[in-house]
């Protein structure tokens, strides 16, 4: 009986460890993804104004909503290769989603 309990406990622990490792691997980190996708993952609960840096040094602003935002999708005035980085620096919140010039 002792062997069965030990084997069962080991199996439960192994299954729990597998589940614990699987969840974080699929979650994207907060902020600029930096993987060539032009994505920004906003982990907050309200819209925020991002500063968006471009290849030619001219910064613009983009209002991101909670969750994953593709900076150069939708109403973007730019080609995807131009954007090099985006970040939140404490700007306005509760803005309307999209580009601001």
Protein backbone atom coordinates (compact mmCIF):
# COMPACT_ATOMS: atom_id res chain seq x y z
CA UNK A 1 0.00 0.00 0.00
CA UNK A 2 2.87 2.36 0.81
CA UNK A 3 4.34 1.95 -2.68
CA UNK A 4 1.00 2.79 -4.30
CA UNK A 5 0.63 5.99 -2.22
CA UNK A 6 4.19 7.05 -3.02
CA UNK A 7 3.69 6.42 -6.74
CA UNK A 8 0.37 8.25 -6.71
CA UNK A 9 1.86 11.24 -4.87
CA UNK A 10 4.78 11.38 -7.31
CA UNK A 11 2.37 11.31 -10.26
CA UNK A 12 0.23 14.11 -8.82
CA UNK A 13 3.31 16.27 -8.15
CA UNK A 14 4.63 15.70 -11.67
CA UNK A 15 1.27 16.66 -13.20
CA UNK A 16 1.03 19.79 -11.04
CA UNK A 17 4.56 20.84 -11.97
CA UNK A 18 3.75 20.42 -15.66
CA UNK A 19 0.66 22.62 -15.33
CA UNK A 20 2.52 25.28 -13.38
CA UNK A 21 5.20 25.53 -16.05
CA UNK A 22 2.80 25.56 -19.00
CA UNK A 23 0.75 28.63 -18.04
CA UNK A 24 3.51 31.30 -17.81
CA UNK A 25 5.18 30.11 -21.01
CA UNK A 26 2.12 31.09 -23.06
CA UNK A 27 1.63 34.52 -21.43
CA UNK A 28 3.31 37.44 -23.18
CA UNK A 29 5.35 39.81 -21.01
CA UNK A 30 4.04 43.32 -20.44
CA UNK A 31 5.32 46.11 -22.68
CA UNK A 32 7.09 46.18 -26.05
CA UNK A 33 7.50 42.67 -27.39
CA UNK A 34 10.71 43.33 -29.33
CA UNK A 35 10.20 40.28 -31.51
CA UNK A 36 9.60 41.97 -34.86
CA UNK A 37 5.81 41.92 -34.50
CA UNK A 38 5.37 45.60 -33.53
CA UNK A 39 3.22 44.43 -30.62
CA UNK A 40 2.82 46.10 -27.23
CA UNK A 41 1.17 44.18 -24.41
CA UNK A 42 -0.53 46.62 -22.03
CA UNK A 43 -1.15 44.82 -18.74
CA UNK A 44 -3.15 47.62 -17.11
CA UNK A 45 -6.92 48.06 -16.94
CA UNK A 46 -7.31 51.43 -18.69
CA UNK A 47 -6.11 52.87 -21.98
CA UNK A 48 -2.70 54.60 -21.80
CA UNK A 49 -0.71 56.89 -24.08
CA UNK A 50 2.52 55.33 -25.37
CA UNK A 51 5.53 57.08 -26.84
CA UNK A 52 6.45 55.35 -30.10
CA UNK A 53 10.01 55.68 -31.43
CA UNK A 54 10.78 55.45 -35.14
CA UNK A 55 13.87 54.74 -37.20
CA UNK A 56 14.23 58.37 -38.22
CA UNK A 57 14.05 59.67 -34.64
CA UNK A 58 10.61 61.26 -34.80
CA UNK A 59 8.51 60.12 -31.84
CA UNK A 60 4.74 59.84 -32.00
CA UNK A 61 2.06 58.78 -29.56
CA UNK A 62 -0.29 55.83 -29.62
CA UNK A 63 -3.14 55.17 -27.20
CA UNK A 64 -3.04 51.48 -26.27
CA UNK A 65 -5.94 49.56 -24.77
CA UNK A 66 -5.54 46.71 -22.24
CA UNK A 67 -4.13 43.55 -23.79
CA UNK A 68 -2.05 43.05 -26.92
CA UNK A 69 -1.88 46.04 -29.30
CA UNK A 70 -0.34 45.92 -32.76
CA UNK A 71 1.19 49.39 -33.01
CA UNK A 72 1.20 49.44 -36.81
CA UNK A 73 -2.20 47.89 -37.49
CA UNK A 74 -5.45 49.57 -38.34
CA UNK A 75 -5.11 53.32 -38.69
CA UNK A 76 -1.32 53.42 -38.57
CA UNK A 77 0.26 56.20 -40.65
CA UNK A 78 3.53 54.20 -40.76
CA UNK A 79 5.09 51.16 -42.34
CA UNK A 80 5.87 48.46 -39.80
CA UNK A 81 9.63 48.66 -40.30
CA UNK A 82 9.75 52.26 -39.06
CA UNK A 83 8.72 51.59 -35.46
CA UNK A 84 11.65 50.58 -33.28
CA UNK A 85 10.24 50.80 -29.74
CA UNK A 86 7.19 51.84 -27.73
CA UNK A 87 6.86 52.57 -24.04
CA UNK A 88 4.55 54.07 -21.43
CA UNK A 89 6.15 56.98 -19.60
CA UNK A 90 3.34 58.08 -17.33
CA UNK A 91 1.34 59.94 -19.97
CA UNK A 92 -2.43 60.37 -20.02
CA UNK A 93 -4.75 57.48 -19.29
CA UNK A 94 -8.27 56.78 -20.55
CA UNK A 95 -7.40 58.16 -23.99
CA UNK A 96 -9.15 56.97 -27.17
CA UNK A 97 -7.45 54.03 -28.92
CA UNK A 98 -5.29 54.98 -31.89
CA UNK A 99 -2.60 57.37 -33.11
CA UNK A 100 -2.06 60.92 -31.83
CA UNK A 101 0.13 63.43 -33.65
